[in-house]
Structures are given as C-alpha cells and as structure tokens.
Amino acid sequence: MGLIGILLLPLILGWLLIGAALLLTPLFGTFYLSILFPEKFRLTEKEIEDDGVLIVDDQYMTVIPLIKLLEQAQIPIKYVADGFEAIRELKNKRYRLVFMDYYMPMITGLEALARIDQVLCDDTHKTPVILYTGAEISEKEKCRFKHVSIVDSWNKSLDFRELNSRLARVLVKCN
C-alpha cells in the first residue's frame, strides 16, 4: 500500500462516507421528516413567498445534508457562498432563519453578522441565526447584536439523526 496509500486512506474513506450520506438521506430522510415535520409546521403559500431559510457557507458539500432535509420538509431555501452575498440578500428580503458558517474567505460569519445587524437597524424583528460551523463562539460574541439573534451553534459534523432533531426543534420555535 505504501506511504501514499496510507496518507490517502482517510481522504478516500471521508469521501465514501459523504457519498453514502448523500445517497441515504433521501431514503431514510423521508421517514424521519414525516415524524419531525408534520403538516402543521410546514410553511403556507404566503409564508413561502415572504420567508425561507438562508444558508451561508463557502463549502457547498458540507451543507448538502441540511439542504436536503429542508427541501424534503418543503421549506424554501436560498444558498449563498459568502458573507457579502448574505448581506445583499438580507438587505432585500427577510428570512425566517439563517444558517451561517463562521470560517469563510474575505469575511467571517461574525463580521458578516455585524454588517447585517447594521443593515437591519430599522427592522423590528430579530433575525434568528444558527452558526453552522466547527468554530467555538463565546456567549459574549453571541449576544453582541441588536437585530440579529444567534439562537444556537451547531457543529457541521452532526450525525443525521441529531441534525434532524435539532432542525425540527428550531423550525418549531421559528413558526
């Protein structure tokens, strides 16, 4: 196998796990979603026009399980790849929930949230944000915004069931 084979083994196994998760999410996700997202928690047609979920992450592959779960729950999503795009989006539209990555090029998630907080200065509704990242965020950092509310911080390495469970809880709170 050699040294190169040993070094590449974790990378290959990681990609196989990601591929398996992508293939199995539609098969098993429908069962869990029928339990976790009953009809009364789904958005109405009017809410679909007005709201949705904004996902901000520079690495699309890491948010695919989250996107698939939201799509299966019939929740409209908008994906953007950086903080500047998120600022533009939130200037023009109010979202029901925002998933924000912390480590992104050019501008971090907290820097983007600080700018979004300034943009939303006339908004009376606090925009709920979940930091979907591997970074540790202090309570002081979470509470520094006036118009943005960091409701939770999730690690991207959550297993499928835990992601389902947390998503169900937070969507019920946002209704």
C-alpha atoms as a PDB file:
ATOM      1  CA  MET A   1       0.000   0.000   0.000  1.00  0.00           C
ATOM      2  CA  GLY A   2       2.864   2.323   0.723  1.00  0.00           C
ATOM      3  CA  LEU A   3       3.100   5.692   2.393  1.00  0.00           C
ATOM      4  CA  ILE A   4       0.934   7.496  -0.167  1.00  0.00           C
ATOM      5  CA  GLY A   5      -1.819   4.909   0.227  1.00  0.00           C
ATOM      6  CA  ILE A   6      -1.780   5.301   3.993  1.00  0.00           C
ATOM      7  CA  LEU A   7      -1.966   9.087   3.674  1.00  0.00           C
ATOM      8  CA  LEU A   8      -4.823   8.953   1.157  1.00  0.00           C
ATOM      9  CA  LEU A   9      -6.874   6.362   3.052  1.00  0.00           C
ATOM     10  CA  PRO A  10      -8.616   8.861   5.425  1.00  0.00           C
ATOM     11  CA  LEU A  11      -9.425  11.126   2.475  1.00  0.00           C
ATOM     12  CA  ILE A  12     -10.917   8.269   0.460  1.00  0.00           C
ATOM     13  CA  LEU A  13     -12.922   6.993   3.447  1.00  0.00           C
ATOM     14  CA  GLY A  14     -14.214  10.521   4.113  1.00  0.00           C
ATOM     15  CA  TRP A  15     -15.454  10.900   0.526  1.00  0.00           C
ATOM     16  CA  LEU A  16     -17.089   7.468   0.683  1.00  0.00           C
ATOM     17  CA  LEU A  17     -18.929   8.470   3.881  1.00  0.00           C
ATOM     18  CA  ILE A  18     -20.095  11.736   2.301  1.00  0.00           C
ATOM     19  CA  GLY A  19     -21.291   9.849  -0.779  1.00  0.00           C
ATOM     20  CA  ALA A  20     -23.147   7.303   1.366  1.00  0.00           C
ATOM     21  CA  ALA A  21     -24.779  10.103   3.361  1.00  0.00           C
ATOM     22  CA  LEU A  22     -25.913  11.816   0.164  1.00  0.00           C
ATOM     23  CA  LEU A  23     -27.384   8.594  -1.201  1.00  0.00           C
ATOM     24  CA  LEU A  24     -29.063   7.531   2.038  1.00  0.00           C
ATOM     25  CA  THR A  25     -30.500  10.923   3.034  1.00  0.00           C
ATOM     26  CA  PRO A  26     -33.416  10.713   0.564  1.00  0.00           C
ATOM     27  CA  LEU A  27     -34.154   7.098   1.546  1.00  0.00           C
ATOM     28  CA  PHE A  28     -34.193   7.498   5.324  1.00  0.00           C
ATOM     29  CA  GLY A  29     -34.882  11.225   5.494  1.00  0.00           C
ATOM     30  CA  THR A  30     -38.461  10.899   4.272  1.00  0.00           C
ATOM     31  CA  PHE A  31     -39.373   8.623   7.179  1.00  0.00           C
ATOM     32  CA  TYR A  32     -37.841  10.915   9.799  1.00  0.00           C
ATOM     33  CA  LEU A  33     -39.282  14.035   8.184  1.00  0.00           C
ATOM     34  CA  SER A  34     -42.816  12.647   8.256  1.00  0.00           C
ATOM     35  CA  ILE A  35     -42.432  12.375  12.029  1.00  0.00           C
ATOM     36  CA  LEU A  36     -40.452  15.552  12.657  1.00  0.00           C
ATOM     37  CA  PHE A  37     -42.184  17.907  10.245  1.00  0.00           C
ATOM     38  CA  PRO A  38     -45.920  17.277  10.389  1.00  0.00           C
ATOM     39  CA  GLU A  39     -48.168  19.336   8.142  1.00  0.00           C
ATOM     40  CA  LYS A  40     -48.919  21.974  10.790  1.00  0.00           C
ATOM     41  CA  PHE A  41     -45.249  23.019  10.850  1.00  0.00           C
ATOM     42  CA  ARG A  42     -44.873  23.390   7.096  1.00  0.00           C
ATOM     43  CA  LEU A  43     -44.987  26.827   5.566  1.00  0.00           C
ATOM     44  CA  THR A  44     -48.164  28.139   3.948  1.00  0.00           C
ATOM     45  CA  GLU A  45     -48.095  29.527   0.396  1.00  0.00           C
ATOM     46  CA  LYS A  46     -47.988  33.107   1.731  1.00  0.00           C
ATOM     47  CA  GLU A  47     -45.057  32.286   4.027  1.00  0.00           C
ATOM     48  CA  ILE A  48     -43.217  30.648   1.128  1.00  0.00           C
ATOM     49  CA  GLU A  49     -43.453  33.915  -0.814  1.00  0.00           C
ATOM     50  CA  ASP A  50     -42.302  36.001   2.161  1.00  0.00           C
ATOM     51  CA  ASP A  51     -39.830  33.817   4.037  1.00  0.00           C
ATOM     52  CA  GLY A  52     -37.415  30.976   3.665  1.00  0.00           C
ATOM     53  CA  VAL A  53     -34.133  29.778   5.076  1.00  0.00           C
ATOM     54  CA  LEU A  54     -30.866  31.391   4.055  1.00  0.00           C
ATOM     55  CA  ILE A  55     -27.771  29.166   4.142  1.00  0.00           C
ATOM     56  CA  VAL A  56     -24.402  30.936   4.043  1.00  0.00           C
ATOM     57  CA  ASP A  57     -21.351  28.710   3.576  1.00  0.00           C
ATOM     58  CA  ASP A  58     -18.352  28.771   1.277  1.00  0.00           C
ATOM     59  CA  GLN A  59     -18.249  24.953   1.048  1.00  0.00           C
ATOM     60  CA  TYR A  60     -21.426  23.639  -0.561  1.00  0.00           C
ATOM     61  CA  MET A  61     -20.559  19.981   0.121  1.00  0.00           C
ATOM     62  CA  THR A  62     -20.768  20.492   3.892  1.00  0.00           C
ATOM     63  CA  VAL A  63     -24.345  21.821   3.799  1.00  0.00           C
ATOM     64  CA  ILE A  64     -25.854  19.277   1.389  1.00  0.00           C
ATOM     65  CA  PRO A  65     -27.432  17.147   4.184  1.00  0.00           C
ATOM     66  CA  LEU A  66     -29.003  20.294   5.690  1.00  0.00           C
ATOM     67  CA  ILE A  67     -30.277  21.442   2.287  1.00  0.00           C
ATOM     68  CA  LYS A  68     -31.768  18.021   1.528  1.00  0.00           C
ATOM     69  CA  LEU A  69     -33.616  17.945   4.872  1.00  0.00           C
ATOM     70  CA  LEU A  70     -35.038  21.435   4.310  1.00  0.00           C
ATOM     71  CA  GLU A  71     -36.109  20.565   0.764  1.00  0.00           C
ATOM     72  CA  GLN A  72     -37.814  17.370   1.962  1.00  0.00           C
ATOM     73  CA  ALA A  73     -39.661  19.406   4.585  1.00  0.00           C
ATOM     74  CA  GLN A  74     -40.804  21.690   1.722  1.00  0.00           C
ATOM     75  CA  ILE A  75     -39.073  24.697   3.240  1.00  0.00           C
ATOM     76  CA  PRO A  76     -37.739  27.127   0.652  1.00  0.00           C
ATOM     77  CA  ILE A  77     -34.022  27.750   0.838  1.00  0.00           C
ATOM     78  CA  LYS A  78     -31.555  30.169  -0.635  1.00  0.00           C
ATOM     79  CA  TYR A  79     -27.871  29.232  -0.648  1.00  0.00           C
ATOM     80  CA  VAL A  80     -25.133  31.855  -0.868  1.00  0.00           C
ATOM     81  CA  ALA A  81     -21.402  31.220  -0.816  1.00  0.00           C
ATOM     82  CA  ASP A  82     -20.093  34.158   1.226  1.00  0.00           C
ATOM     83  CA  GLY A  83     -20.917  36.819   3.777  1.00  0.00           C
ATOM     84  CA  PHE A  84     -21.147  39.639   1.240  1.00  0.00           C
ATOM     85  CA  GLU A  85     -23.853  37.785  -0.689  1.00  0.00           C
ATOM     86  CA  ALA A  86     -25.675  37.190   2.607  1.00  0.00           C
ATOM     87  CA  ILE A  87     -25.604  40.921   3.362  1.00  0.00           C
ATOM     88  CA  ARG A  88     -27.094  41.664  -0.076  1.00  0.00           C
ATOM     89  CA  GLU A  89     -29.782  39.012   0.421  1.00  0.00           C
ATOM     90  CA  LEU A  90     -30.793  40.266   3.857  1.00  0.00           C
ATOM     91  CA  LYS A  91     -30.975  43.853   2.615  1.00  0.00           C
ATOM     92  CA  ASN A  92     -33.665  42.810   0.149  1.00  0.00           C
ATOM     93  CA  LYS A  93     -35.558  40.022   1.912  1.00  0.00           C
ATOM     94  CA  ARG A  94     -36.431  38.918   5.413  1.00  0.00           C
ATOM     95  CA  TYR A  95     -35.654  35.270   6.102  1.00  0.00           C
ATOM     96  CA  ARG A  96     -37.283  33.031   8.656  1.00  0.00           C
ATOM     97  CA  LEU A  97     -33.908  31.552   9.676  1.00  0.00           C
ATOM     98  CA  VAL A  98     -30.254  31.945   8.664  1.00  0.00           C
ATOM     99  CA  PHE A  99     -27.575  29.252   8.843  1.00  0.00           C
ATOM    100  CA  MET A 100     -24.180  30.984   8.903  1.00  0.00           C
ATOM    101  CA  ASP A 101     -20.751  29.427   8.609  1.00  0.00           C
ATOM    102  CA  TYR A 102     -18.028  31.094  10.667  1.00  0.00           C
ATOM    103  CA  TYR A 103     -14.870  30.438   8.639  1.00  0.00           C
ATOM    104  CA  MET A 104     -15.266  31.902   5.159  1.00  0.00           C
ATOM    105  CA  PRO A 105     -12.796  33.724   2.921  1.00  0.00           C
ATOM    106  CA  MET A 106     -12.826  37.538   2.789  1.00  0.00           C
ATOM    107  CA  ILE A 107     -15.281  37.954   5.694  1.00  0.00           C
ATOM    108  CA  THR A 108     -16.045  35.690   8.653  1.00  0.00           C
ATOM    109  CA  GLY A 109     -19.555  34.773   9.712  1.00  0.00           C
ATOM    110  CA  LEU A 110     -19.454  37.089  12.748  1.00  0.00           C
ATOM    111  CA  GLU A 111     -18.157  40.005  10.650  1.00  0.00           C
ATOM    112  CA  ALA A 112     -20.978  39.402   8.182  1.00  0.00           C
ATOM    113  CA  LEU A 113     -23.492  39.296  11.051  1.00  0.00           C
ATOM    114  CA  ALA A 114     -22.151  42.600  12.406  1.00  0.00           C
ATOM    115  CA  ARG A 115     -22.712  44.225   8.998  1.00  0.00           C
ATOM    116  CA  ILE A 116     -26.133  42.573   8.658  1.00  0.00           C
ATOM    117  CA  ASP A 117     -27.016  43.908  12.105  1.00  0.00           C
ATOM    118  CA  GLN A 118     -26.268  47.426  10.825  1.00  0.00           C
ATOM    119  CA  VAL A 119     -28.326  46.836   7.670  1.00  0.00           C
ATOM    120  CA  LEU A 120     -31.318  45.643   9.707  1.00  0.00           C
ATOM    121  CA  CYS A 121     -31.261  48.675  12.029  1.00  0.00           C
ATOM    122  CA  ASP A 122     -34.852  49.649  11.083  1.00  0.00           C
ATOM    123  CA  ASP A 123     -36.167  46.089  11.386  1.00  0.00           C
ATOM    124  CA  THR A 124     -38.265  45.420  14.492  1.00  0.00           C
ATOM    125  CA  HIS A 125     -37.982  41.631  14.082  1.00  0.00           C
ATOM    126  CA  LYS A 126     -34.763  39.911  15.208  1.00  0.00           C
ATOM    127  CA  THR A 127     -33.436  37.608  12.516  1.00  0.00           C
ATOM    128  CA  PRO A 128     -32.651  34.187  14.064  1.00  0.00           C
ATOM    129  CA  VAL A 129     -29.233  32.792  13.128  1.00  0.00           C
ATOM    130  CA  ILE A 130     -27.712  29.377  13.701  1.00  0.00           C
ATOM    131  CA  LEU A 131     -23.950  29.229  13.392  1.00  0.00           C
ATOM    132  CA  TYR A 132     -23.457  26.024  11.389  1.00  0.00           C
ATOM    133  CA  THR A 133     -19.737  25.624  11.850  1.00  0.00           C
ATOM    134  CA  GLY A 134     -16.946  23.906  13.694  1.00  0.00           C
ATOM    135  CA  ALA A 135     -15.844  27.097  15.464  1.00  0.00           C
ATOM    136  CA  GLU A 136     -16.438  27.766  19.150  1.00  0.00           C
ATOM    137  CA  ILE A 137     -18.304  31.059  19.666  1.00  0.00           C
ATOM    138  CA  SER A 138     -18.341  32.751  23.072  1.00  0.00           C
ATOM    139  CA  GLU A 139     -21.583  33.835  24.741  1.00  0.00           C
ATOM    140  CA  LYS A 140     -20.317  37.430  24.603  1.00  0.00           C
ATOM    141  CA  GLU A 141     -19.986  37.193  20.819  1.00  0.00           C
ATOM    142  CA  LYS A 142     -23.450  35.641  20.510  1.00  0.00           C
ATOM    143  CA  CYS A 143     -25.117  38.469  22.442  1.00  0.00           C
ATOM    144  CA  ARG A 144     -23.459  41.485  20.818  1.00  0.00           C
ATOM    145  CA  PHE A 145     -26.009  42.030  18.067  1.00  0.00           C
ATOM    146  CA  LYS A 146     -29.213  44.074  18.362  1.00  0.00           C
ATOM    147  CA  HIS A 147     -31.114  42.969  15.263  1.00  0.00           C
ATOM    148  CA  VAL A 148     -29.627  39.506  14.774  1.00  0.00           C
ATOM    149  CA  SER A 149     -30.203  36.730  17.301  1.00  0.00           C
ATOM    150  CA  ILE A 150     -27.774  33.796  17.391  1.00  0.00           C
ATOM    151  CA  VAL A 151     -30.120  31.100  18.647  1.00  0.00           C
ATOM    152  CA  ASP A 152     -27.687  28.182  18.536  1.00  0.00           C
ATOM    153  CA  SER A 153     -24.340  26.930  17.283  1.00  0.00           C
ATOM    154  CA  TRP A 154     -24.224  23.552  15.507  1.00  0.00           C
ATOM    155  CA  ASN A 155     -21.206  21.564  14.530  1.00  0.00           C
ATOM    156  CA  LYS A 156     -21.200  20.531  10.867  1.00  0.00           C
ATOM    157  CA  SER A 157     -20.213  17.016  11.866  1.00  0.00           C
ATOM    158  CA  LEU A 158     -23.609  16.284  13.489  1.00  0.00           C
ATOM    159  CA  ASP A 159     -24.889  12.843  12.600  1.00  0.00           C
ATOM    160  CA  PHE A 160     -28.078  12.569  10.548  1.00  0.00           C
ATOM    161  CA  ARG A 161     -30.460  11.910  13.452  1.00  0.00           C
ATOM    162  CA  GLU A 162     -29.074  14.743  15.577  1.00  0.00           C
ATOM    163  CA  LEU A 163     -29.313  17.140  12.618  1.00  0.00           C
ATOM    164  CA  ASN A 164     -32.961  16.068  12.077  1.00  0.00           C
ATOM    165  CA  SER A 165     -33.767  16.513  15.743  1.00  0.00           C
ATOM    166  CA  ARG A 166     -32.177  19.946  16.070  1.00  0.00           C
ATOM    167  CA  LEU A 167     -33.707  21.158  12.824  1.00  0.00           C
ATOM    168  CA  ALA A 168     -37.170  20.058  13.936  1.00  0.00           C
ATOM    169  CA  ARG A 169     -36.818  21.887  17.271  1.00  0.00           C
ATOM    170  CA  VAL A 170     -35.592  25.131  15.774  1.00  0.00           C
ATOM    171  CA  LEU A 171     -38.201  25.211  12.988  1.00  0.00           C
ATOM    172  CA  VAL A 172     -40.977  24.750  15.541  1.00  0.00           C
ATOM    173  CA  LYS A 173     -39.598  27.713  17.511  1.00  0.00           C
ATOM    174  CA  CYS A 174     -39.411  29.871  14.377  1.00  0.00           C
ATOM    175  CA  ASN A 175     -43.081  29.320  13.460  1.00  0.00           C
END
